[in-house]
N, C-alpha and C. Protein backbone atom coordinates (compact mmCIF):
# COMPACT_ATOMS: atom_id res chain seq x y z
N MET A 1 205.75 -52.08 232.57
CA MET A 1 206.20 -51.02 231.69
C MET A 1 205.37 -51.08 230.41
N ASN A 2 204.94 -49.94 229.96
CA ASN A 2 204.14 -49.90 228.74
C ASN A 2 204.74 -48.88 227.78
N GLY A 3 205.75 -49.31 227.05
CA GLY A 3 206.41 -48.43 226.10
C GLY A 3 205.50 -48.02 224.97
N ASN A 4 204.56 -48.89 224.60
CA ASN A 4 203.68 -48.57 223.49
C ASN A 4 202.77 -47.39 223.81
N ARG A 5 202.34 -47.27 225.05
CA ARG A 5 201.51 -46.13 225.42
C ARG A 5 202.34 -44.86 225.33
N LEU A 6 203.58 -44.94 225.75
CA LEU A 6 204.48 -43.80 225.64
C LEU A 6 204.64 -43.38 224.18
N LYS A 7 204.90 -44.34 223.32
CA LYS A 7 205.08 -44.04 221.90
C LYS A 7 203.80 -43.45 221.29
N ASP A 8 202.66 -44.04 221.62
CA ASP A 8 201.38 -43.54 221.10
C ASP A 8 201.15 -42.09 221.50
N ARG A 9 201.40 -41.76 222.75
CA ARG A 9 201.19 -40.40 223.23
C ARG A 9 202.20 -39.45 222.61
N ARG A 10 203.45 -39.88 222.49
CA ARG A 10 204.47 -39.02 221.88
C ARG A 10 204.09 -38.67 220.45
N ILE A 11 203.70 -39.68 219.69
CA ILE A 11 203.34 -39.46 218.29
C ILE A 11 202.07 -38.61 218.18
N SER A 12 201.08 -38.91 219.01
CA SER A 12 199.83 -38.14 218.93
C SER A 12 200.05 -36.68 219.32
N ASP A 13 201.06 -36.42 220.15
CA ASP A 13 201.38 -35.05 220.52
C ASP A 13 202.31 -34.38 219.51
N GLY A 14 202.68 -35.12 218.46
CA GLY A 14 203.49 -34.55 217.39
C GLY A 14 204.96 -34.38 217.76
N LEU A 15 205.44 -35.20 218.70
CA LEU A 15 206.83 -35.09 219.13
C LEU A 15 207.69 -36.20 218.52
N THR A 16 208.89 -35.85 218.16
CA THR A 16 209.87 -36.86 217.76
C THR A 16 210.57 -37.36 219.03
N ILE A 17 211.28 -38.47 218.89
CA ILE A 17 212.07 -38.96 220.03
C ILE A 17 213.07 -37.89 220.47
N THR A 18 213.69 -37.23 219.52
CA THR A 18 214.67 -36.20 219.83
C THR A 18 214.03 -35.04 220.60
N GLU A 19 212.86 -34.62 220.19
CA GLU A 19 212.17 -33.52 220.89
C GLU A 19 211.80 -33.93 222.32
N LEU A 20 211.26 -35.15 222.46
CA LEU A 20 210.89 -35.60 223.80
C LEU A 20 212.13 -35.75 224.68
N ALA A 21 213.21 -36.24 224.12
CA ALA A 21 214.46 -36.37 224.89
C ALA A 21 214.93 -35.01 225.37
N ARG A 22 214.86 -34.02 224.52
CA ARG A 22 215.27 -32.66 224.90
C ARG A 22 214.37 -32.11 226.00
N LEU A 23 213.06 -32.28 225.85
CA LEU A 23 212.11 -31.78 226.86
C LEU A 23 212.26 -32.52 228.19
N SER A 24 212.66 -33.79 228.13
CA SER A 24 212.79 -34.63 229.32
C SER A 24 214.17 -34.56 229.94
N ASN A 25 215.11 -34.00 229.19
CA ASN A 25 216.50 -33.92 229.64
C ASN A 25 217.11 -35.32 229.87
N ILE A 26 216.81 -36.22 228.94
CA ILE A 26 217.41 -37.55 228.94
C ILE A 26 217.79 -37.91 227.51
N SER A 27 218.49 -39.00 227.33
CA SER A 27 218.98 -39.35 226.00
C SER A 27 217.89 -39.94 225.10
N THR A 28 218.08 -39.77 223.81
CA THR A 28 217.17 -40.38 222.84
C THR A 28 217.23 -41.90 222.94
N LYS A 29 218.39 -42.42 223.29
CA LYS A 29 218.56 -43.87 223.42
C LYS A 29 217.61 -44.44 224.49
N ILE A 30 217.50 -43.76 225.61
CA ILE A 30 216.62 -44.22 226.69
C ILE A 30 215.16 -44.19 226.25
N ILE A 31 214.77 -43.12 225.57
CA ILE A 31 213.38 -43.02 225.08
C ILE A 31 213.10 -44.17 224.11
N SER A 32 213.99 -44.38 223.16
CA SER A 32 213.81 -45.42 222.15
C SER A 32 213.75 -46.80 222.80
N GLN A 33 214.65 -47.07 223.72
CA GLN A 33 214.67 -48.39 224.38
C GLN A 33 213.42 -48.60 225.23
N THR A 34 212.93 -47.54 225.84
CA THR A 34 211.72 -47.64 226.66
C THR A 34 210.51 -47.94 225.76
N GLU A 35 210.42 -47.23 224.65
CA GLU A 35 209.29 -47.46 223.72
C GLU A 35 209.31 -48.86 223.14
N ARG A 36 210.49 -49.39 222.90
CA ARG A 36 210.60 -50.74 222.31
C ARG A 36 210.63 -51.83 223.37
N LEU A 37 210.40 -51.46 224.63
CA LEU A 37 210.34 -52.40 225.75
C LEU A 37 211.66 -53.12 225.97
N LEU A 38 212.77 -52.47 225.61
CA LEU A 38 214.10 -53.05 225.81
C LEU A 38 214.69 -52.64 227.15
N LYS A 39 214.16 -51.58 227.72
CA LYS A 39 214.69 -51.06 228.99
C LYS A 39 213.54 -50.60 229.87
N ASN A 40 213.66 -50.91 231.14
CA ASN A 40 212.71 -50.41 232.12
C ASN A 40 213.43 -49.33 232.92
N PRO A 41 213.21 -48.07 232.58
CA PRO A 41 213.97 -46.99 233.22
C PRO A 41 213.61 -46.84 234.70
N THR A 42 214.46 -46.11 235.39
CA THR A 42 214.21 -45.86 236.81
C THR A 42 212.98 -44.98 236.97
N GLU A 43 212.49 -44.92 238.19
CA GLU A 43 211.34 -44.08 238.51
C GLU A 43 211.64 -42.61 238.18
N VAL A 44 212.83 -42.17 238.48
CA VAL A 44 213.22 -40.77 238.21
C VAL A 44 213.17 -40.50 236.70
N THR A 45 213.70 -41.42 235.90
CA THR A 45 213.70 -41.25 234.45
C THR A 45 212.28 -41.26 233.91
N LYS A 46 211.45 -42.15 234.42
CA LYS A 46 210.05 -42.19 233.99
C LYS A 46 209.36 -40.86 234.28
N ARG A 47 209.61 -40.30 235.44
CA ARG A 47 209.00 -39.01 235.80
C ARG A 47 209.49 -37.90 234.89
N LYS A 48 210.76 -37.95 234.52
CA LYS A 48 211.30 -36.95 233.57
C LYS A 48 210.59 -37.06 232.23
N ILE A 49 210.34 -38.28 231.77
CA ILE A 49 209.65 -38.50 230.49
C ILE A 49 208.24 -37.92 230.55
N VAL A 50 207.51 -38.23 231.62
CA VAL A 50 206.14 -37.72 231.76
C VAL A 50 206.15 -36.19 231.85
N ASN A 51 207.11 -35.63 232.58
CA ASN A 51 207.22 -34.17 232.66
C ASN A 51 207.52 -33.57 231.28
N GLY A 52 208.35 -34.26 230.50
CA GLY A 52 208.64 -33.81 229.14
C GLY A 52 207.40 -33.82 228.27
N LEU A 53 206.63 -34.90 228.34
CA LEU A 53 205.37 -34.97 227.59
C LEU A 53 204.44 -33.82 227.99
N ASN A 54 204.33 -33.61 229.30
CA ASN A 54 203.42 -32.58 229.79
C ASN A 54 203.89 -31.17 229.44
N SER A 55 205.19 -30.97 229.35
CA SER A 55 205.69 -29.64 229.02
C SER A 55 205.37 -29.26 227.57
N ALA A 56 205.09 -30.25 226.74
CA ALA A 56 204.74 -29.98 225.35
C ALA A 56 203.25 -29.70 225.16
N LYS A 57 202.46 -29.90 226.21
CA LYS A 57 201.02 -29.66 226.12
C LYS A 57 200.74 -28.16 226.03
N LYS A 58 199.65 -27.84 225.38
CA LYS A 58 199.21 -26.45 225.27
C LYS A 58 198.53 -26.05 226.57
N PRO A 59 198.55 -24.77 226.89
CA PRO A 59 197.86 -24.31 228.10
C PRO A 59 196.40 -24.74 228.08
N GLY A 60 195.94 -25.25 229.19
CA GLY A 60 194.55 -25.69 229.31
C GLY A 60 194.34 -27.16 229.01
N GLU A 61 195.31 -27.80 228.35
CA GLU A 61 195.18 -29.24 228.09
C GLU A 61 195.49 -30.01 229.36
N LYS A 62 194.76 -31.09 229.55
CA LYS A 62 194.95 -31.91 230.74
C LYS A 62 196.30 -32.62 230.65
N PRO A 63 197.11 -32.54 231.71
CA PRO A 63 198.40 -33.23 231.69
C PRO A 63 198.21 -34.74 231.83
N TYR A 64 199.20 -35.48 231.37
CA TYR A 64 199.18 -36.93 231.52
C TYR A 64 199.49 -37.32 232.95
N ASP A 65 198.77 -38.30 233.45
CA ASP A 65 199.08 -38.88 234.74
C ASP A 65 200.22 -39.86 234.56
N PHE A 66 201.08 -39.92 235.55
CA PHE A 66 202.21 -40.84 235.51
C PHE A 66 201.73 -42.28 235.30
N GLU A 67 200.69 -42.67 236.02
CA GLU A 67 200.17 -44.04 235.96
C GLU A 67 199.58 -44.37 234.59
N TYR A 68 199.12 -43.36 233.87
CA TYR A 68 198.59 -43.60 232.53
C TYR A 68 199.72 -43.96 231.56
N ILE A 69 200.81 -43.24 231.63
CA ILE A 69 201.94 -43.50 230.73
C ILE A 69 202.70 -44.74 231.15
N PHE A 70 202.89 -44.92 232.43
CA PHE A 70 203.63 -46.07 232.97
C PHE A 70 202.78 -46.82 233.99
N PRO A 71 201.79 -47.61 233.51
CA PRO A 71 200.92 -48.33 234.44
C PRO A 71 201.70 -49.38 235.24
N MET A 72 201.25 -49.61 236.44
CA MET A 72 201.86 -50.65 237.28
C MET A 72 201.55 -52.02 236.67
N GLN A 73 202.55 -52.89 236.71
CA GLN A 73 202.33 -54.25 236.19
C GLN A 73 202.76 -55.27 237.18
């Protein structure tokens, strides 16, 4: 799990935890715990987070790969 990559991408995309939680349809608590490496969310939750990040991208921007945000360890 790489919460720091998630946090870096969220911040660089100009999203708050609350905005990403809304876009991902999950709680702010889960996002925060994932970024701080306190929780390893399920595969479904991870996919929701990546989908939320990608939904904030502008048309034409390359979407994030799941493996980039959550690399295998």
